[in-house]
Amino acid sequence: ARDWLRQLQQGGASMDESDLPMLREDLRLAQDVRVALNTA
């Protein structure tokens, strides 16, 4: 989530650490993330 926030900020998005809970929830539901973490 922190890596994604930095990436979004570098792309011009007006986001800060208060948006981290939302990003974490999106990551938790994402199929690619679930597959990758289950593999590990």
All heavy atoms as atom14 arrays in JSON, in Angstrom:
{
  "sequence": "ARDWLRQLQQGGASMDESDLPMLREDLRLAQDVRVALNTA",
  "atom14_mask": [
    [1, 1, 1, 1, 1, 0, 0, 0, 0, 0, 0, 0, 0, 0],
    [1, 1, 1, 1, 1, 1, 1, 1, 1, 1, 1, 0, 0, 0],
    [1, 1, 1, 1, 1, 1, 1, 1, 0, 0, 0, 0, 0, 0],
    [1, 1, 1, 1, 1, 1, 1, 1, 1, 1, 1, 1, 1, 1],
    [1, 1, 1, 1, 1, 1, 1, 1, 0, 0, 0, 0, 0, 0],
    [1, 1, 1, 1, 1, 1, 1, 1, 1, 1, 1, 0, 0, 0],
    [1, 1, 1, 1, 1, 1, 1, 1, 1, 0, 0, 0, 0, 0],
    [1, 1, 1, 1, 1, 1, 1, 1, 0, 0, 0, 0, 0, 0],
    [1, 1, 1, 1, 1, 1, 1, 1, 1, 0, 0, 0, 0, 0],
    [1, 1, 1, 1, 1, 1, 1, 1, 1, 0, 0, 0, 0, 0],
    [1, 1, 1, 1, 0, 0, 0, 0, 0, 0, 0, 0, 0, 0],
    [1, 1, 1, 1, 0, 0, 0, 0, 0, 0, 0, 0, 0, 0],
    [1, 1, 1, 1, 1, 0, 0, 0, 0, 0, 0, 0, 0, 0],
    [1, 1, 1, 1, 1, 1, 0, 0, 0, 0, 0, 0, 0, 0],
    [1, 1, 1, 1, 1, 1, 1, 1, 0, 0, 0, 0, 0, 0],
    [1, 1, 1, 1, 1, 1, 1, 1, 0, 0, 0, 0, 0, 0],
    [1, 1, 1, 1, 1, 1, 1, 1, 1, 0, 0, 0, 0, 0],
    [1, 1, 1, 1, 1, 1, 0, 0, 0, 0, 0, 0, 0, 0],
    [1, 1, 1, 1, 1, 1, 1, 1, 0, 0, 0, 0, 0, 0],
    [1, 1, 1, 1, 1, 1, 1, 1, 0, 0, 0, 0, 0, 0],
    [1, 1, 1, 1, 1, 1, 1, 0, 0, 0, 0, 0, 0, 0],
    [1, 1, 1, 1, 1, 1, 1, 1, 0, 0, 0, 0, 0, 0],
    [1, 1, 1, 1, 1, 1, 1, 1, 0, 0, 0, 0, 0, 0],
    [1, 1, 1, 1, 1, 1, 1, 1, 1, 1, 1, 0, 0, 0],
    [1, 1, 1, 1, 1, 1, 1, 1, 1, 0, 0, 0, 0, 0],
    [1, 1, 1, 1, 1, 1, 1, 1, 0, 0, 0, 0, 0, 0],
    [1, 1, 1, 1, 1, 1, 1, 1, 0, 0, 0, 0, 0, 0],
    [1, 1, 1, 1, 1, 1, 1, 1, 1, 1, 1, 0, 0, 0],
    [1, 1, 1, 1, 1, 1, 1, 1, 0, 0, 0, 0, 0, 0],
    [1, 1, 1, 1, 1, 0, 0, 0, 0, 0, 0, 0, 0, 0],
    [1, 1, 1, 1, 1, 1, 1, 1, 1, 0, 0, 0, 0, 0],
    [1, 1, 1, 1, 1, 1, 1, 1, 0, 0, 0, 0, 0, 0],
    [1, 1, 1, 1, 1, 1, 1, 0, 0, 0, 0, 0, 0, 0],
    [1, 1, 1, 1, 1, 1, 1, 1, 1, 1, 1, 0, 0, 0],
    [1, 1, 1, 1, 1, 1, 1, 0, 0, 0, 0, 0, 0, 0],
    [1, 1, 1, 1, 1, 0, 0, 0, 0, 0, 0, 0, 0, 0],
    [1, 1, 1, 1, 1, 1, 1, 1, 0, 0, 0, 0, 0, 0],
    [1, 1, 1, 1, 1, 1, 1, 1, 0, 0, 0, 0, 0, 0],
    [1, 1, 1, 1, 1, 1, 1, 0, 0, 0, 0, 0, 0, 0],
    [1, 1, 1, 1, 1, 0, 0, 0, 0, 0, 0, 0, 0, 0]
  ],
  "atom14_positions": [
    [[0.83, -1.21, 0.0], [0.0, 0.0, 0.0], [0.87, 1.25, 0.0], [0.56, 2.24, -0.7], [-0.93, -0.02, 1.21], [0.0, 0.0, 0.0], [0.0, 0.0, 0.0], [0.0, 0.0, 0.0], [0.0, 0.0, 0.0], [0.0, 0.0, 0.0], [0.0, 0.0, 0.0], [0.0, 0.0, 0.0], [0.0, 0.0, 0.0], [0.0, 0.0, 0.0]],
    [[1.93, 1.24, 0.78], [2.82, 2.4, 0.8], [3.51, 2.59, -0.55], [3.68, 3.73, -1.03], [3.83, 2.26, 1.94], [3.2, 2.43, 3.33], [4.26, 2.5, 4.42], [4.97, 1.22, 4.58], [4.54, 0.23, 5.35], [3.4, 0.36, 6.03], [5.24, -0.88, 5.45], [0.0, 0.0, 0.0], [0.0, 0.0, 0.0], [0.0, 0.0, 0.0]],
    [[3.95, 1.48, -1.16], [4.57, 1.57, -2.49], [3.57, 2.13, -3.5], [3.91, 2.96, -4.36], [5.04, 0.19, -2.95], [6.27, -0.29, -2.21], [6.88, 0.52, -1.49], [6.61, -1.49, -2.33], [0.0, 0.0, 0.0], [0.0, 0.0, 0.0], [0.0, 0.0, 0.0], [0.0, 0.0, 0.0], [0.0, 0.0, 0.0], [0.0, 0.0, 0.0]],
    [[2.31, 1.65, -3.4], [1.27, 2.1, -4.34], [0.98, 3.59, -4.13], [0.81, 4.33, -5.1], [0.02, 1.25, -4.11], [-1.03, 1.4, -5.19], [-0.91, 2.02, -6.4], [-2.37, 0.92, -5.11], [-2.08, 1.95, -7.09], [-3.01, 1.28, -6.33], [-3.1, 0.22, -4.15], [-4.34, 0.96, -6.6], [-4.41, -0.1, -4.43], [-5.04, 0.25, -5.62]],
    [[0.94, 4.03, -2.86], [0.69, 5.44, -2.58], [1.78, 6.31, -3.2], [1.49, 7.34, -3.83], [0.61, 5.66, -1.07], [0.43, 7.12, -0.61], [-0.88, 7.69, -1.13], [0.49, 7.22, 0.92], [0.0, 0.0, 0.0], [0.0, 0.0, 0.0], [0.0, 0.0, 0.0], [0.0, 0.0, 0.0], [0.0, 0.0, 0.0], [0.0, 0.0, 0.0]],
    [[3.05, 5.92, -3.02], [4.14, 6.7, -3.61], [4.02, 6.73, -5.14], [4.26, 7.77, -5.77], [5.48, 6.1, -3.2], [5.87, 6.4, -1.76], [7.32, 6.05, -1.49], [7.58, 4.62, -1.59], [7.47, 3.76, -0.59], [7.1, 4.2, 0.61], [7.73, 2.48, -0.77], [0.0, 0.0, 0.0], [0.0, 0.0, 0.0], [0.0, 0.0, 0.0]],
    [[3.65, 5.58, -5.7], [3.51, 5.51, -7.16], [2.39, 6.44, -7.64], [2.54, 7.14, -8.66], [3.2, 4.06, -7.56], [3.13, 3.8, -9.06], [2.96, 2.31, -9.37], [3.69, 1.48, -8.84], [1.99, 2.0, -10.21], [0.0, 0.0, 0.0], [0.0, 0.0, 0.0], [0.0, 0.0, 0.0], [0.0, 0.0, 0.0], [0.0, 0.0, 0.0]],
    [[1.28, 6.45, -6.92], [0.16, 7.33, -7.29], [0.53, 8.79, -7.11], [0.17, 9.66, -7.94], [-1.06, 6.98, -6.43], [-1.73, 5.63, -6.71], [-2.78, 5.32, -5.65], [-2.37, 5.63, -8.11], [0.0, 0.0, 0.0], [0.0, 0.0, 0.0], [0.0, 0.0, 0.0], [0.0, 0.0, 0.0], [0.0, 0.0, 0.0], [0.0, 0.0, 0.0]],
    [[1.25, 9.1, -6.03], [1.67, 10.49, -5.8], [2.62, 10.97, -6.89], [2.53, 12.11, -7.36], [2.34, 10.61, -4.42], [1.37, 10.47, -3.26], [2.07, 10.41, -1.91], [3.24, 10.01, -1.84], [1.36, 10.81, -0.85], [0.0, 0.0, 0.0], [0.0, 0.0, 0.0], [0.0, 0.0, 0.0], [0.0, 0.0, 0.0], [0.0, 0.0, 0.0]],
    [[3.54, 10.05, -7.3], [4.46, 10.42, -8.38], [3.74, 10.62, -9.69], [4.2, 11.34, -10.58], [5.52, 9.33, -8.53], [6.49, 9.27, -7.35], [7.38, 8.04, -7.39], [7.28, 7.23, -8.32], [8.25, 7.9, -6.39], [0.0, 0.0, 0.0], [0.0, 0.0, 0.0], [0.0, 0.0, 0.0], [0.0, 0.0, 0.0], [0.0, 0.0, 0.0]],
    [[2.57, 10.01, -9.82], [1.77, 10.17, -11.04], [0.86, 11.38, -11.0], [0.06, 11.59, -11.91], [0.0, 0.0, 0.0], [0.0, 0.0, 0.0], [0.0, 0.0, 0.0], [0.0, 0.0, 0.0], [0.0, 0.0, 0.0], [0.0, 0.0, 0.0], [0.0, 0.0, 0.0], [0.0, 0.0, 0.0], [0.0, 0.0, 0.0], [0.0, 0.0, 0.0]],
    [[0.94, 12.13, -9.89], [0.17, 13.36, -9.81], [-1.09, 13.27, -8.98], [-1.83, 14.26, -8.87], [0.0, 0.0, 0.0], [0.0, 0.0, 0.0], [0.0, 0.0, 0.0], [0.0, 0.0, 0.0], [0.0, 0.0, 0.0], [0.0, 0.0, 0.0], [0.0, 0.0, 0.0], [0.0, 0.0, 0.0], [0.0, 0.0, 0.0], [0.0, 0.0, 0.0]],
    [[-1.38, 12.12, -8.4], [-2.6, 11.99, -7.6], [-2.44, 12.76, -6.29], [-1.38, 12.74, -5.67], [-2.89, 10.53, -7.32], [0.0, 0.0, 0.0], [0.0, 0.0, 0.0], [0.0, 0.0, 0.0], [0.0, 0.0, 0.0], [0.0, 0.0, 0.0], [0.0, 0.0, 0.0], [0.0, 0.0, 0.0], [0.0, 0.0, 0.0], [0.0, 0.0, 0.0]],
    [[-3.54, 13.44, -5.88], [-3.5, 14.2, -4.62], [-3.96, 13.28, -3.48], [-5.11, 13.33, -3.06], [-4.39, 15.44, -4.72], [-5.72, 15.05, -5.06], [0.0, 0.0, 0.0], [0.0, 0.0, 0.0], [0.0, 0.0, 0.0], [0.0, 0.0, 0.0], [0.0, 0.0, 0.0], [0.0, 0.0, 0.0], [0.0, 0.0, 0.0], [0.0, 0.0, 0.0]],
    [[-3.06, 12.43, -3.03], [-3.37, 11.45, -1.99], [-2.3, 11.54, -0.89], [-1.17, 11.95, -1.14], [-3.41, 10.03, -2.57], [-4.42, 9.86, -3.7], [-4.43, 8.18, -4.38], [-5.21, 7.29, -3.04], [0.0, 0.0, 0.0], [0.0, 0.0, 0.0], [0.0, 0.0, 0.0], [0.0, 0.0, 0.0], [0.0, 0.0, 0.0], [0.0, 0.0, 0.0]],
    [[-2.69, 11.17, 0.33], [-1.73, 11.14, 1.43], [-1.98, 9.89, 2.27], [-2.75, 9.0, 1.88], [-1.84, 12.41, 2.28], [-3.26, 12.62, 2.82], [-3.98, 11.61, 3.02], [-3.64, 13.79, 3.03], [0.0, 0.0, 0.0], [0.0, 0.0, 0.0], [0.0, 0.0, 0.0], [0.0, 0.0, 0.0], [0.0, 0.0, 0.0], [0.0, 0.0, 0.0]],
    [[-1.34, 9.84, 3.44], [-1.41, 8.61, 4.24], [-2.81, 8.31, 4.76], [-3.1, 7.17, 5.14], [-0.42, 8.7, 5.41], [1.02, 8.63, 4.97], [1.97, 8.32, 6.12], [1.47, 8.17, 7.26], [3.18, 8.22, 5.88], [0.0, 0.0, 0.0], [0.0, 0.0, 0.0], [0.0, 0.0, 0.0], [0.0, 0.0, 0.0], [0.0, 0.0, 0.0]],
    [[-3.68, 9.27, 4.8], [-5.06, 9.0, 5.22], [-5.77, 8.08, 4.23], [-6.82, 7.51, 4.55], [-5.83, 10.32, 5.37], [-5.97, 10.97, 4.11], [0.0, 0.0, 0.0], [0.0, 0.0, 0.0], [0.0, 0.0, 0.0], [0.0, 0.0, 0.0], [0.0, 0.0, 0.0], [0.0, 0.0, 0.0], [0.0, 0.0, 0.0], [0.0, 0.0, 0.0]],
    [[-5.21, 7.95, 3.02], [-5.82, 7.08, 2.01], [-5.3, 5.65, 2.1], [-5.77, 4.77, 1.35], [-5.53, 7.64, 0.6], [-6.2, 8.98, 0.37], [-7.45, 9.02, 0.47], [-5.49, 9.96, 0.12], [0.0, 0.0, 0.0], [0.0, 0.0, 0.0], [0.0, 0.0, 0.0], [0.0, 0.0, 0.0], [0.0, 0.0, 0.0], [0.0, 0.0, 0.0]],
    [[-4.33, 5.41, 2.97], [-3.76, 4.06, 3.06], [-4.79, 2.99, 3.41], [-4.74, 1.88, 2.83], [-2.6, 4.04, 4.07], [-1.29, 4.64, 3.58], [-0.27, 4.7, 4.73], [-0.73, 3.79, 2.43], [0.0, 0.0, 0.0], [0.0, 0.0, 0.0], [0.0, 0.0, 0.0], [0.0, 0.0, 0.0], [0.0, 0.0, 0.0], [0.0, 0.0, 0.0]],
    [[-5.72, 3.19, 4.36], [-6.71, 2.15, 4.65], [-7.5, 1.72, 3.41], [-7.77, 0.53, 3.21], [-7.62, 2.8, 5.7], [-6.73, 3.8, 6.39], [-5.85, 4.34, 5.3], [0.0, 0.0, 0.0], [0.0, 0.0, 0.0], [0.0, 0.0, 0.0], [0.0, 0.0, 0.0], [0.0, 0.0, 0.0], [0.0, 0.0, 0.0], [0.0, 0.0, 0.0]],
    [[-7.87, 2.7, 2.56], [-8.61, 2.38, 1.34], [-7.74, 1.55, 0.4], [-8.2, 0.57, -0.21], [-9.05, 3.67, 0.66], [-9.77, 3.45, -0.68], [-10.01, 5.01, -1.56], [-8.31, 5.48, -1.94], [0.0, 0.0, 0.0], [0.0, 0.0, 0.0], [0.0, 0.0, 0.0], [0.0, 0.0, 0.0], [0.0, 0.0, 0.0], [0.0, 0.0, 0.0]],
    [[-6.47, 1.93, 0.27], [-5.57, 1.2, -0.62], [-5.34, -0.23, -0.11], [-5.3, -1.18, -0.9], [-4.23, 1.93, -0.73], [-4.29, 3.34, -1.37], [-2.9, 3.96, -1.39], [-4.88, 3.27, -2.77], [0.0, 0.0, 0.0], [0.0, 0.0, 0.0], [0.0, 0.0, 0.0], [0.0, 0.0, 0.0], [0.0, 0.0, 0.0], [0.0, 0.0, 0.0]],
    [[-5.2, -0.35, 1.2], [-5.01, -1.69, 1.76], [-6.22, -2.59, 1.49], [-6.07, -3.77, 1.18], [-4.74, -1.6, 3.27], [-3.34, -1.12, 3.62], [-2.98, -1.43, 5.06], [-3.83, -0.68, 5.99], [-3.49, 0.5, 6.51], [-2.33, 1.06, 6.19], [-4.3, 1.12, 7.35], [0.0, 0.0, 0.0], [0.0, 0.0, 0.0], [0.0, 0.0, 0.0]],
    [[-7.42, -2.03, 1.6], [-8.62, -2.82, 1.34], [-8.68, -3.24, -0.13], [-9.05, -4.38, -0.44], [-9.86, -2.01, 1.71], [-11.16, -2.78, 1.58], [-11.22, -3.99, 2.51], [-10.48, -4.03, 3.52], [-12.01, -4.92, 2.22], [0.0, 0.0, 0.0], [0.0, 0.0, 0.0], [0.0, 0.0, 0.0], [0.0, 0.0, 0.0], [0.0, 0.0, 0.0]],
    [[-8.33, -2.33, -1.06], [-8.31, -2.69, -2.49], [-7.3, -3.8, -2.75], [-7.55, -4.72, -3.53], [-7.97, -1.46, -3.34], [-9.13, -0.46, -3.4], [-10.26, -0.85, -3.01], [-8.91, 0.69, -3.82], [0.0, 0.0, 0.0], [0.0, 0.0, 0.0], [0.0, 0.0, 0.0], [0.0, 0.0, 0.0], [0.0, 0.0, 0.0], [0.0, 0.0, 0.0]],
    [[-6.15, -3.7, -2.09], [-5.13, -4.74, -2.27], [-5.6, -6.08, -1.72], [-5.36, -7.14, -2.32], [-3.83, -4.32, -1.56], [-3.04, -3.19, -2.22], [-1.97, -2.67, -1.26], [-2.39, -3.69, -3.51], [0.0, 0.0, 0.0], [0.0, 0.0, 0.0], [0.0, 0.0, 0.0], [0.0, 0.0, 0.0], [0.0, 0.0, 0.0], [0.0, 0.0, 0.0]],
    [[-6.29, -6.03, -0.59], [-6.76, -7.27, 0.05], [-7.75, -8.01, -0.86], [-7.82, -9.23, -0.85], [-7.38, -6.95, 1.4], [-7.75, -8.17, 2.22], [-8.22, -7.79, 3.61], [-7.1, -7.37, 4.45], [-6.84, -6.12, 4.8], [-7.64, -5.15, 4.38], [-5.81, -5.83, 5.56], [0.0, 0.0, 0.0], [0.0, 0.0, 0.0], [0.0, 0.0, 0.0]],
    [[-8.53, -7.28, -1.62], [-9.55, -7.88, -2.48], [-9.04, -8.22, -3.87], [-9.71, -8.95, -4.62], [-10.74, -6.92, -2.6], [-11.5, -6.6, -1.3], [-12.57, -5.56, -1.54], [-12.11, -7.86, -0.71], [0.0, 0.0, 0.0], [0.0, 0.0, 0.0], [0.0, 0.0, 0.0], [0.0, 0.0, 0.0], [0.0, 0.0, 0.0], [0.0, 0.0, 0.0]],
    [[-7.87, -7.73, -4.24], [-7.36, -7.93, -5.6], [-6.92, -9.38, -5.81], [-6.18, -9.94, -5.0], [-6.19, -6.98, -5.86], [0.0, 0.0, 0.0], [0.0, 0.0, 0.0], [0.0, 0.0, 0.0], [0.0, 0.0, 0.0], [0.0, 0.0, 0.0], [0.0, 0.0, 0.0], [0.0, 0.0, 0.0], [0.0, 0.0, 0.0], [0.0, 0.0, 0.0]],
    [[-7.34, -9.97, -6.93], [-7.03, -11.37, -7.21], [-5.53, -11.61, -7.34], [-5.0, -12.59, -6.79], [-7.73, -11.8, -8.51], [-7.45, -13.23, -8.95], [-8.05, -14.26, -8.02], [-8.89, -13.92, -7.19], [-7.62, -15.5, -8.13], [0.0, 0.0, 0.0], [0.0, 0.0, 0.0], [0.0, 0.0, 0.0], [0.0, 0.0, 0.0], [0.0, 0.0, 0.0]],
    [[-4.81, -10.74, -8.05], [-3.36, -10.92, -8.22], [-2.64, -10.91, -6.88], [-1.7, -11.69, -6.66], [-2.79, -9.8, -9.12], [-2.94, -10.13, -10.6], [-3.64, -11.13, -10.9], [-2.37, -9.4, -11.43], [0.0, 0.0, 0.0], [0.0, 0.0, 0.0], [0.0, 0.0, 0.0], [0.0, 0.0, 0.0], [0.0, 0.0, 0.0], [0.0, 0.0, 0.0]],
    [[-3.05, -10.04, -5.98], [-2.4, -9.94, -4.67], [-2.67, -11.21, -3.86], [-1.77, -11.77, -3.22], [-2.89, -8.69, -3.92], [-2.32, -8.67, -2.5], [-2.49, -7.44, -4.67], [0.0, 0.0, 0.0], [0.0, 0.0, 0.0], [0.0, 0.0, 0.0], [0.0, 0.0, 0.0], [0.0, 0.0, 0.0], [0.0, 0.0, 0.0], [0.0, 0.0, 0.0]],
    [[-3.9, -11.65, -3.88], [-4.26, -12.85, -3.11], [-3.48, -14.06, -3.61], [-2.97, -14.86, -2.81], [-5.76, -13.1, -3.2], [-6.57, -12.0, -2.52], [-8.05, -12.09, -2.83], [-8.65, -13.3, -2.25], [-9.94, -13.61, -2.41], [-10.73, -12.83, -3.14], [-10.41, -14.69, -1.85], [0.0, 0.0, 0.0], [0.0, 0.0, 0.0], [0.0, 0.0, 0.0]],
    [[-3.38, -14.21, -4.92], [-2.64, -15.35, -5.48], [-1.17, -15.26, -5.09], [-0.55, -16.26, -4.68], [-2.8, -15.39, -7.01], [-1.84, -16.42, -7.61], [-4.24, -15.74, -7.38], [0.0, 0.0, 0.0], [0.0, 0.0, 0.0], [0.0, 0.0, 0.0], [0.0, 0.0, 0.0], [0.0, 0.0, 0.0], [0.0, 0.0, 0.0], [0.0, 0.0, 0.0]],
    [[-0.58, -14.08, -5.2], [0.85, -13.91, -4.91], [1.15, -14.19, -3.44], [2.14, -14.87, -3.11], [1.29, -12.5, -5.3], [0.0, 0.0, 0.0], [0.0, 0.0, 0.0], [0.0, 0.0, 0.0], [0.0, 0.0, 0.0], [0.0, 0.0, 0.0], [0.0, 0.0, 0.0], [0.0, 0.0, 0.0], [0.0, 0.0, 0.0], [0.0, 0.0, 0.0]],
    [[0.32, -13.68, -2.53], [0.58, -13.88, -1.1], [0.3, -15.32, -0.68], [0.99, -15.85, 0.2], [-0.26, -12.9, -0.27], [0.07, -11.41, -0.49], [-0.71, -10.55, 0.49], [1.57, -11.14, -0.35], [0.0, 0.0, 0.0], [0.0, 0.0, 0.0], [0.0, 0.0, 0.0], [0.0, 0.0, 0.0], [0.0, 0.0, 0.0], [0.0, 0.0, 0.0]],
    [[-0.72, -15.94, -1.3], [-0.96, -17.35, -1.0], [0.19, -18.23, -1.49], [0.52, -19.25, -0.88], [-2.27, -17.82, -1.63], [-3.48, -17.46, -0.79], [-3.35, -17.19, 0.4], [-4.65, -17.44, -1.4], [0.0, 0.0, 0.0], [0.0, 0.0, 0.0], [0.0, 0.0, 0.0], [0.0, 0.0, 0.0], [0.0, 0.0, 0.0], [0.0, 0.0, 0.0]],
    [[0.78, -17.85, -2.61], [1.92, -18.6, -3.12], [3.09, -18.52, -2.15], [3.83, -19.5, -1.95], [2.35, -18.06, -4.5], [1.25, -18.18, -5.41], [3.55, -18.84, -5.04], [0.0, 0.0, 0.0], [0.0, 0.0, 0.0], [0.0, 0.0, 0.0], [0.0, 0.0, 0.0], [0.0, 0.0, 0.0], [0.0, 0.0, 0.0], [0.0, 0.0, 0.0]],
    [[3.25, -17.36, -1.53], [4.35, -17.18, -0.58], [4.05, -17.81, 0.77], [4.96, -18.32, 1.44], [4.64, -15.69, -0.41], [0.0, 0.0, 0.0], [0.0, 0.0, 0.0], [0.0, 0.0, 0.0], [0.0, 0.0, 0.0], [0.0, 0.0, 0.0], [0.0, 0.0, 0.0], [0.0, 0.0, 0.0], [0.0, 0.0, 0.0], [0.0, 0.0, 0.0]]
  ]
}
